[in-house]
Amino acid sequence: QTIILLATIFGSTELGLGTINLIV
């Protein structure tokens, strides 16, 4: 559940991925 809730924040904040990358 923690991964589900915070996966996109991990990708955005930690990996610097853009919105499109995360939505895909």
mmCIF file of all heavy atoms, coordinates in Angstrom:
data_MODEL
# 
_entry.id   MODEL 
# 
loop_
_atom_site.group_PDB 
_atom_site.id 
_atom_site.type_symbol 
_atom_site.label_atom_id 
_atom_site.label_alt_id 
_atom_site.label_comp_id 
_atom_site.label_asym_id 
_atom_site.label_entity_id 
_atom_site.label_seq_id 
_atom_site.pdbx_PDB_ins_code 
_atom_site.Cartn_x 
_atom_site.Cartn_y 
_atom_site.Cartn_z 
_atom_site.occupancy 
_atom_site.B_iso_or_equiv 
_atom_site.pdbx_formal_charge 
_atom_site.auth_seq_id 
_atom_site.auth_comp_id 
_atom_site.auth_asym_id 
_atom_site.auth_atom_id 
_atom_site.pdbx_PDB_model_num 
ATOM 1   N N   . GLN A 1 1  ? 0.811  -1.219 0.000   1.00 0.00 ? 1  GLN A N   1 
ATOM 2   C CA  . GLN A 1 1  ? 0.000  0.000  0.000   1.00 0.00 ? 1  GLN A CA  1 
ATOM 3   C C   . GLN A 1 1  ? 0.846  1.271  0.000   1.00 0.00 ? 1  GLN A C   1 
ATOM 4   O O   . GLN A 1 1  ? 0.473  2.277  -0.608  1.00 0.00 ? 1  GLN A O   1 
ATOM 5   C CB  . GLN A 1 1  ? -0.948 -0.013 1.204   1.00 0.00 ? 1  GLN A CB  1 
ATOM 6   C CG  . GLN A 1 1  ? -1.959 -1.140 1.183   1.00 0.00 ? 1  GLN A CG  1 
ATOM 7   C CD  . GLN A 1 1  ? -2.870 -1.084 -0.022  1.00 0.00 ? 1  GLN A CD  1 
ATOM 8   O OE1 . GLN A 1 1  ? -3.118 -0.011 -0.593  1.00 0.00 ? 1  GLN A OE1 1 
ATOM 9   N NE2 . GLN A 1 1  ? -3.379 -2.231 -0.437  1.00 0.00 ? 1  GLN A NE2 1 
ATOM 10  N N   . THR A 1 2  ? 2.002  1.227  0.668   1.00 0.00 ? 2  THR A N   1 
ATOM 11  C CA  . THR A 1 2  ? 2.879  2.412  0.677   1.00 0.00 ? 2  THR A CA  1 
ATOM 12  C C   . THR A 1 2  ? 3.423  2.673  -0.721  1.00 0.00 ? 2  THR A C   1 
ATOM 13  O O   . THR A 1 2  ? 3.478  3.828  -1.173  1.00 0.00 ? 2  THR A O   1 
ATOM 14  C CB  . THR A 1 2  ? 4.044  2.217  1.669   1.00 0.00 ? 2  THR A CB  1 
ATOM 15  O OG1 . THR A 1 2  ? 3.515  1.921  2.964   1.00 0.00 ? 2  THR A OG1 1 
ATOM 16  C CG2 . THR A 1 2  ? 4.897  3.474  1.753   1.00 0.00 ? 2  THR A CG2 1 
ATOM 17  N N   . ILE A 1 3  ? 3.809  1.617  -1.414  1.00 0.00 ? 3  ILE A N   1 
ATOM 18  C CA  . ILE A 1 3  ? 4.323  1.767  -2.780  1.00 0.00 ? 3  ILE A CA  1 
ATOM 19  C C   . ILE A 1 3  ? 3.235  2.292  -3.711  1.00 0.00 ? 3  ILE A C   1 
ATOM 20  O O   . ILE A 1 3  ? 3.477  3.183  -4.543  1.00 0.00 ? 3  ILE A O   1 
ATOM 21  C CB  . ILE A 1 3  ? 4.895  0.427  -3.290  1.00 0.00 ? 3  ILE A CB  1 
ATOM 22  C CG1 . ILE A 1 3  ? 6.197  0.105  -2.549  1.00 0.00 ? 3  ILE A CG1 1 
ATOM 23  C CG2 . ILE A 1 3  ? 5.148  0.489  -4.801  1.00 0.00 ? 3  ILE A CG2 1 
ATOM 24  C CD1 . ILE A 1 3  ? 6.758  -1.272 -2.845  1.00 0.00 ? 3  ILE A CD1 1 
ATOM 25  N N   . ILE A 1 4  ? 2.010  1.760  -3.581  1.00 0.00 ? 4  ILE A N   1 
ATOM 26  C CA  . ILE A 1 4  ? 0.907  2.225  -4.420  1.00 0.00 ? 4  ILE A CA  1 
ATOM 27  C C   . ILE A 1 4  ? 0.670  3.719  -4.214  1.00 0.00 ? 4  ILE A C   1 
ATOM 28  O O   . ILE A 1 4  ? 0.505  4.480  -5.174  1.00 0.00 ? 4  ILE A O   1 
ATOM 29  C CB  . ILE A 1 4  ? -0.385 1.451  -4.088  1.00 0.00 ? 4  ILE A CB  1 
ATOM 30  C CG1 . ILE A 1 4  ? -0.268 -0.002 -4.530  1.00 0.00 ? 4  ILE A CG1 1 
ATOM 31  C CG2 . ILE A 1 4  ? -1.594 2.102  -4.768  1.00 0.00 ? 4  ILE A CG2 1 
ATOM 32  C CD1 . ILE A 1 4  ? -1.423 -0.870 -4.079  1.00 0.00 ? 4  ILE A CD1 1 
ATOM 33  N N   . LEU A 1 5  ? 0.657  4.147  -2.953  1.00 0.00 ? 5  LEU A N   1 
ATOM 34  C CA  . LEU A 1 5  ? 0.323  5.535  -2.637  1.00 0.00 ? 5  LEU A CA  1 
ATOM 35  C C   . LEU A 1 5  ? 1.415  6.525  -3.023  1.00 0.00 ? 5  LEU A C   1 
ATOM 36  O O   . LEU A 1 5  ? 1.130  7.668  -3.378  1.00 0.00 ? 5  LEU A O   1 
ATOM 37  C CB  . LEU A 1 5  ? 0.024  5.660  -1.138  1.00 0.00 ? 5  LEU A CB  1 
ATOM 38  C CG  . LEU A 1 5  ? -1.271 4.988  -0.652  1.00 0.00 ? 5  LEU A CG  1 
ATOM 39  C CD1 . LEU A 1 5  ? -1.287 4.910  0.865   1.00 0.00 ? 5  LEU A CD1 1 
ATOM 40  C CD2 . LEU A 1 5  ? -2.484 5.752  -1.154  1.00 0.00 ? 5  LEU A CD2 1 
ATOM 41  N N   . LEU A 1 6  ? 2.676  6.093  -2.953  1.00 0.00 ? 6  LEU A N   1 
ATOM 42  C CA  . LEU A 1 6  ? 3.775  7.050  -3.102  1.00 0.00 ? 6  LEU A CA  1 
ATOM 43  C C   . LEU A 1 6  ? 4.690  6.779  -4.301  1.00 0.00 ? 6  LEU A C   1 
ATOM 44  O O   . LEU A 1 6  ? 5.728  7.418  -4.440  1.00 0.00 ? 6  LEU A O   1 
ATOM 45  C CB  . LEU A 1 6  ? 4.599  7.068  -1.806  1.00 0.00 ? 6  LEU A CB  1 
ATOM 46  C CG  . LEU A 1 6  ? 3.803  7.479  -0.559  1.00 0.00 ? 6  LEU A CG  1 
ATOM 47  C CD1 . LEU A 1 6  ? 4.615  7.248  0.710   1.00 0.00 ? 6  LEU A CD1 1 
ATOM 48  C CD2 . LEU A 1 6  ? 3.359  8.923  -0.644  1.00 0.00 ? 6  LEU A CD2 1 
ATOM 49  N N   . ALA A 1 7  ? 4.300  5.856  -5.175  1.00 0.00 ? 7  ALA A N   1 
ATOM 50  C CA  . ALA A 1 7  ? 5.152  5.504  -6.320  1.00 0.00 ? 7  ALA A CA  1 
ATOM 51  C C   . ALA A 1 7  ? 5.391  6.684  -7.256  1.00 0.00 ? 7  ALA A C   1 
ATOM 52  O O   . ALA A 1 7  ? 6.516  6.920  -7.711  1.00 0.00 ? 7  ALA A O   1 
ATOM 53  C CB  . ALA A 1 7  ? 4.530  4.333  -7.091  1.00 0.00 ? 7  ALA A CB  1 
ATOM 54  N N   . THR A 1 8  ? 4.328  7.437  -7.566  1.00 0.00 ? 8  THR A N   1 
ATOM 55  C CA  . THR A 1 8  ? 4.494  8.549  -8.497  1.00 0.00 ? 8  THR A CA  1 
ATOM 56  C C   . THR A 1 8  ? 5.325  9.671  -7.882  1.00 0.00 ? 8  THR A C   1 
ATOM 57  O O   . THR A 1 8  ? 6.077  10.348 -8.587  1.00 0.00 ? 8  THR A O   1 
ATOM 58  C CB  . THR A 1 8  ? 3.127  9.109  -8.935  1.00 0.00 ? 8  THR A CB  1 
ATOM 59  O OG1 . THR A 1 8  ? 2.335  9.387  -7.773  1.00 0.00 ? 8  THR A OG1 1 
ATOM 60  C CG2 . THR A 1 8  ? 2.388  8.109  -9.800  1.00 0.00 ? 8  THR A CG2 1 
ATOM 61  N N   . ILE A 1 9  ? 5.176  9.888  -6.568  1.00 0.00 ? 9  ILE A N   1 
ATOM 62  C CA  . ILE A 1 9  ? 5.990  10.905 -5.895  1.00 0.00 ? 9  ILE A CA  1 
ATOM 63  C C   . ILE A 1 9  ? 7.461  10.475 -5.910  1.00 0.00 ? 9  ILE A C   1 
ATOM 64  O O   . ILE A 1 9  ? 8.360  11.299 -6.080  1.00 0.00 ? 9  ILE A O   1 
ATOM 65  C CB  . ILE A 1 9  ? 5.491  11.134 -4.458  1.00 0.00 ? 9  ILE A CB  1 
ATOM 66  C CG1 . ILE A 1 9  ? 4.125  11.837 -4.506  1.00 0.00 ? 9  ILE A CG1 1 
ATOM 67  C CG2 . ILE A 1 9  ? 6.476  11.966 -3.650  1.00 0.00 ? 9  ILE A CG2 1 
ATOM 68  C CD1 . ILE A 1 9  ? 3.522  12.125 -3.157  1.00 0.00 ? 9  ILE A CD1 1 
ATOM 69  N N   . PHE A 1 10 ? 7.722  9.167  -5.759  1.00 0.00 ? 10 PHE A N   1 
ATOM 70  C CA  . PHE A 1 10 ? 9.083  8.646  -5.858  1.00 0.00 ? 10 PHE A CA  1 
ATOM 71  C C   . PHE A 1 10 ? 9.657  8.936  -7.241  1.00 0.00 ? 10 PHE A C   1 
ATOM 72  O O   . PHE A 1 10 ? 10.786 9.421  -7.380  1.00 0.00 ? 10 PHE A O   1 
ATOM 73  C CB  . PHE A 1 10 ? 9.095  7.137  -5.597  1.00 0.00 ? 10 PHE A CB  1 
ATOM 74  C CG  . PHE A 1 10 ? 10.436 6.475  -5.795  1.00 0.00 ? 10 PHE A CG  1 
ATOM 75  C CD1 . PHE A 1 10 ? 11.393 6.497  -4.790  1.00 0.00 ? 10 PHE A CD1 1 
ATOM 76  C CD2 . PHE A 1 10 ? 10.749 5.832  -6.991  1.00 0.00 ? 10 PHE A CD2 1 
ATOM 77  C CE1 . PHE A 1 10 ? 12.634 5.887  -4.971  1.00 0.00 ? 10 PHE A CE1 1 
ATOM 78  C CE2 . PHE A 1 10 ? 11.976 5.226  -7.180  1.00 0.00 ? 10 PHE A CE2 1 
ATOM 79  C CZ  . PHE A 1 10 ? 12.915 5.248  -6.167  1.00 0.00 ? 10 PHE A CZ  1 
ATOM 80  N N   . GLY A 1 11 ? 8.875  8.645  -8.283  1.00 0.00 ? 11 GLY A N   1 
ATOM 81  C CA  . GLY A 1 11 ? 9.343  8.879  -9.649  1.00 0.00 ? 11 GLY A CA  1 
ATOM 82  C C   . GLY A 1 11 ? 9.568  10.344 -9.941  1.00 0.00 ? 11 GLY A C   1 
ATOM 83  O O   . GLY A 1 11 ? 10.533 10.712 -10.613 1.00 0.00 ? 11 GLY A O   1 
ATOM 84  N N   . SER A 1 12 ? 8.703  11.203 -9.406  1.00 0.00 ? 12 SER A N   1 
ATOM 85  C CA  . SER A 1 12 ? 8.811  12.642 -9.659  1.00 0.00 ? 12 SER A CA  1 
ATOM 86  C C   . SER A 1 12 ? 9.945  13.276 -8.868  1.00 0.00 ? 12 SER A C   1 
ATOM 87  O O   . SER A 1 12 ? 10.813 13.963 -9.419  1.00 0.00 ? 12 SER A O   1 
ATOM 88  C CB  . SER A 1 12 ? 7.481  13.313 -9.304  1.00 0.00 ? 12 SER A CB  1 
ATOM 89  O OG  . SER A 1 12 ? 7.581  14.712 -9.392  1.00 0.00 ? 12 SER A OG  1 
ATOM 90  N N   . THR A 1 13 ? 9.967  13.037 -7.551  1.00 0.00 ? 13 THR A N   1 
ATOM 91  C CA  . THR A 1 13 ? 10.922 13.697 -6.664  1.00 0.00 ? 13 THR A CA  1 
ATOM 92  C C   . THR A 1 13 ? 12.302 13.060 -6.716  1.00 0.00 ? 13 THR A C   1 
ATOM 93  O O   . THR A 1 13 ? 13.320 13.757 -6.803  1.00 0.00 ? 13 THR A O   1 
ATOM 94  C CB  . THR A 1 13 ? 10.398 13.674 -5.208  1.00 0.00 ? 13 THR A CB  1 
ATOM 95  O OG1 . THR A 1 13 ? 9.099  14.273 -5.164  1.00 0.00 ? 13 THR A OG1 1 
ATOM 96  C CG2 . THR A 1 13 ? 11.331 14.439 -4.290  1.00 0.00 ? 13 THR A CG2 1 
ATOM 97  N N   . GLU A 1 14 ? 12.364 11.728 -6.664  1.00 0.00 ? 14 GLU A N   1 
ATOM 98  C CA  . GLU A 1 14 ? 13.649 11.039 -6.553  1.00 0.00 ? 14 GLU A CA  1 
ATOM 99  C C   . GLU A 1 14 ? 14.324 10.829 -7.901  1.00 0.00 ? 14 GLU A C   1 
ATOM 100 O O   . GLU A 1 14 ? 15.541 10.936 -8.027  1.00 0.00 ? 14 GLU A O   1 
ATOM 101 C CB  . GLU A 1 14 ? 13.442 9.672  -5.876  1.00 0.00 ? 14 GLU A CB  1 
ATOM 102 C CG  . GLU A 1 14 ? 14.735 8.992  -5.436  1.00 0.00 ? 14 GLU A CG  1 
ATOM 103 C CD  . GLU A 1 14 ? 15.437 9.741  -4.306  1.00 0.00 ? 14 GLU A CD  1 
ATOM 104 O OE1 . GLU A 1 14 ? 14.759 10.399 -3.501  1.00 0.00 ? 14 GLU A OE1 1 
ATOM 105 O OE2 . GLU A 1 14 ? 16.679 9.665  -4.251  1.00 0.00 ? 14 GLU A OE2 1 
ATOM 106 N N   . LEU A 1 15 ? 13.518 10.544 -8.937  1.00 0.00 ? 15 LEU A N   1 
ATOM 107 C CA  . LEU A 1 15 ? 14.093 10.229 -10.252 1.00 0.00 ? 15 LEU A CA  1 
ATOM 108 C C   . LEU A 1 15 ? 13.977 11.383 -11.239 1.00 0.00 ? 15 LEU A C   1 
ATOM 109 O O   . LEU A 1 15 ? 14.537 11.317 -12.326 1.00 0.00 ? 15 LEU A O   1 
ATOM 110 C CB  . LEU A 1 15 ? 13.418 8.976  -10.836 1.00 0.00 ? 15 LEU A CB  1 
ATOM 111 C CG  . LEU A 1 15 ? 13.493 7.709  -9.964  1.00 0.00 ? 15 LEU A CG  1 
ATOM 112 C CD1 . LEU A 1 15 ? 12.810 6.544  -10.668 1.00 0.00 ? 15 LEU A CD1 1 
ATOM 113 C CD2 . LEU A 1 15 ? 14.942 7.359  -9.627  1.00 0.00 ? 15 LEU A CD2 1 
ATOM 114 N N   . GLY A 1 16 ? 13.235 12.423 -10.869 1.00 0.00 ? 16 GLY A N   1 
ATOM 115 C CA  . GLY A 1 16 ? 13.117 13.586 -11.737 1.00 0.00 ? 16 GLY A CA  1 
ATOM 116 C C   . GLY A 1 16 ? 12.353 13.328 -13.019 1.00 0.00 ? 16 GLY A C   1 
ATOM 117 O O   . GLY A 1 16 ? 12.557 14.003 -14.024 1.00 0.00 ? 16 GLY A O   1 
ATOM 118 N N   . LEU A 1 17 ? 11.442 12.356 -12.999 1.00 0.00 ? 17 LEU A N   1 
ATOM 119 C CA  . LEU A 1 17 ? 10.676 12.015 -14.197 1.00 0.00 ? 17 LEU A CA  1 
ATOM 120 C C   . LEU A 1 17 ? 9.533  13.008 -14.390 1.00 0.00 ? 17 LEU A C   1 
ATOM 121 O O   . LEU A 1 17 ? 8.966  13.522 -13.428 1.00 0.00 ? 17 LEU A O   1 
ATOM 122 C CB  . LEU A 1 17 ? 10.121 10.596 -14.097 1.00 0.00 ? 17 LEU A CB  1 
ATOM 123 C CG  . LEU A 1 17 ? 11.160 9.475  -13.975 1.00 0.00 ? 17 LEU A CG  1 
ATOM 124 C CD1 . LEU A 1 17 ? 10.475 8.122  -13.816 1.00 0.00 ? 17 LEU A CD1 1 
ATOM 125 C CD2 . LEU A 1 17 ? 12.073 9.457  -15.199 1.00 0.00 ? 17 LEU A CD2 1 
ATOM 126 N N   . GLY A 1 18 ? 9.206  13.244 -15.652 1.00 0.00 ? 18 GLY A N   1 
ATOM 127 C CA  . GLY A 1 18 ? 8.136  14.177 -15.975 1.00 0.00 ? 18 GLY A CA  1 
ATOM 128 C C   . GLY A 1 18 ? 6.765  13.542 -15.818 1.00 0.00 ? 18 GLY A C   1 
ATOM 129 O O   . GLY A 1 18 ? 6.623  12.327 -15.656 1.00 0.00 ? 18 GLY A O   1 
ATOM 130 N N   . THR A 1 19 ? 5.743  14.385 -15.894 1.00 0.00 ? 19 THR A N   1 
ATOM 131 C CA  . THR A 1 19 ? 4.373  13.923 -15.707 1.00 0.00 ? 19 THR A CA  1 
ATOM 132 C C   . THR A 1 19 ? 3.997  12.833 -16.707 1.00 0.00 ? 19 THR A C   1 
ATOM 133 O O   . THR A 1 19 ? 3.370  11.833 -16.348 1.00 0.00 ? 19 THR A O   1 
ATOM 134 C CB  . THR A 1 19 ? 3.395  15.102 -15.840 1.00 0.00 ? 19 THR A CB  1 
ATOM 135 O OG1 . THR A 1 19 ? 3.710  16.088 -14.853 1.00 0.00 ? 19 THR A OG1 1 
ATOM 136 C CG2 . THR A 1 19 ? 1.960  14.644 -15.660 1.00 0.00 ? 19 THR A CG2 1 
ATOM 137 N N   . ILE A 1 20 ? 4.391  13.003 -17.955 1.00 0.00 ? 20 ILE A N   1 
ATOM 138 C CA  . ILE A 1 20 ? 4.044  12.028 -18.993 1.00 0.00 ? 20 ILE A CA  1 
ATOM 139 C C   . ILE A 1 20 ? 4.658  10.675 -18.672 1.00 0.00 ? 20 ILE A C   1 
ATOM 140 O O   . ILE A 1 20 ? 3.997  9.631  -18.766 1.00 0.00 ? 20 ILE A O   1 
ATOM 141 C CB  . ILE A 1 20 ? 4.515  12.505 -20.386 1.00 0.00 ? 20 ILE A CB  1 
ATOM 142 C CG1 . ILE A 1 20 ? 3.862  13.843 -20.739 1.00 0.00 ? 20 ILE A CG1 1 
ATOM 143 C CG2 . ILE A 1 20 ? 4.173  11.455 -21.441 1.00 0.00 ? 20 ILE A CG2 1 
ATOM 144 C CD1 . ILE A 1 20 ? 2.356  13.786 -20.754 1.00 0.00 ? 20 ILE A CD1 1 
ATOM 145 N N   . ASN A 1 21 ? 5.951  10.658 -18.284 1.00 0.00 ? 21 ASN A N   1 
ATOM 146 C CA  . ASN A 1 21 ? 6.614  9.403  -17.935 1.00 0.00 ? 21 ASN A CA  1 
ATOM 147 C C   . ASN A 1 21 ? 5.870  8.679  -16.818 1.00 0.00 ? 21 ASN A C   1 
ATOM 148 O O   . ASN A 1 21 ? 5.691  7.452  -16.865 1.00 0.00 ? 21 ASN A O   1 
ATOM 149 C CB  . ASN A 1 21 ? 8.050  9.657  -17.485 1.00 0.00 ? 21 ASN A CB  1 
ATOM 150 C CG  . ASN A 1 21 ? 8.904  10.307 -18.548 1.00 0.00 ? 21 ASN A CG  1 
ATOM 151 O OD1 . ASN A 1 21 ? 9.307  11.455 -18.392 1.00 0.00 ? 21 ASN A OD1 1 
ATOM 152 N ND2 . ASN A 1 21 ? 9.169  9.607  -19.627 1.00 0.00 ? 21 ASN A ND2 1 
ATOM 153 N N   . LEU A 1 22 ? 5.449  9.443  -15.822 1.00 0.00 ? 22 LEU A N   1 
ATOM 154 C CA  . LEU A 1 22 ? 4.794  8.851  -14.662 1.00 0.00 ? 22 LEU A CA  1 
ATOM 155 C C   . LEU A 1 22 ? 3.403  8.330  -15.006 1.00 0.00 ? 22 LEU A C   1 
ATOM 156 O O   . LEU A 1 22 ? 3.003  7.246  -14.565 1.00 0.00 ? 22 LEU A O   1 
ATOM 157 C CB  . LEU A 1 22 ? 4.717  9.870  -13.530 1.00 0.00 ? 22 LEU A CB  1 
ATOM 158 C CG  . LEU A 1 22 ? 6.086  10.326 -12.982 1.00 0.00 ? 22 LEU A CG  1 
ATOM 159 C CD1 . LEU A 1 22 ? 5.909  11.489 -12.027 1.00 0.00 ? 22 LEU A CD1 1 
ATOM 160 C CD2 . LEU A 1 22 ? 6.788  9.174  -12.290 1.00 0.00 ? 22 LEU A CD2 1 
ATOM 161 N N   . ILE A 1 23 ? 2.660  9.085  -15.803 1.00 0.00 ? 23 ILE A N   1 
ATOM 162 C CA  . ILE A 1 23 ? 1.317  8.647  -16.192 1.00 0.00 ? 23 ILE A CA  1 
ATOM 163 C C   . ILE A 1 23 ? 1.395  7.388  -17.049 1.00 0.00 ? 23 ILE A C   1 
ATOM 164 O O   . ILE A 1 23 ? 0.606  6.457  -16.888 1.00 0.00 ? 23 ILE A O   1 
ATOM 165 C CB  . ILE A 1 23 ? 0.576  9.762  -16.949 1.00 0.00 ? 23 ILE A CB  1 
ATOM 166 C CG1 . ILE A 1 23 ? 0.329  10.965 -16.037 1.00 0.00 ? 23 ILE A CG1 1 
ATOM 167 C CG2 . ILE A 1 23 ? -0.740 9.232  -17.504 1.00 0.00 ? 23 ILE A CG2 1 
ATOM 168 C CD1 . ILE A 1 23 ? -0.610 10.698 -14.891 1.00 0.00 ? 23 ILE A CD1 1 
ATOM 169 N N   . VAL A 1 24 ? 2.365  7.358  -17.972 1.00 0.00 ? 24 VAL A N   1 
ATOM 170 C CA  . VAL A 1 24 ? 2.559  6.163  -18.807 1.00 0.00 ? 24 VAL A CA  1 
ATOM 171 C C   . VAL A 1 24 ? 2.866  4.952  -17.935 1.00 0.00 ? 24 VAL A C   1 
ATOM 172 O O   . VAL A 1 24 ? 2.354  3.851  -18.161 1.00 0.00 ? 24 VAL A O   1 
ATOM 173 C CB  . VAL A 1 24 ? 3.687  6.394  -19.838 1.00 0.00 ? 24 VAL A CB  1 
ATOM 174 C CG1 . VAL A 1 24 ? 4.092  5.076  -20.503 1.00 0.00 ? 24 VAL A CG1 1 
ATOM 175 C CG2 . VAL A 1 24 ? 3.245  7.393  -20.897 1.00 0.00 ? 24 VAL A CG2 1 
# 
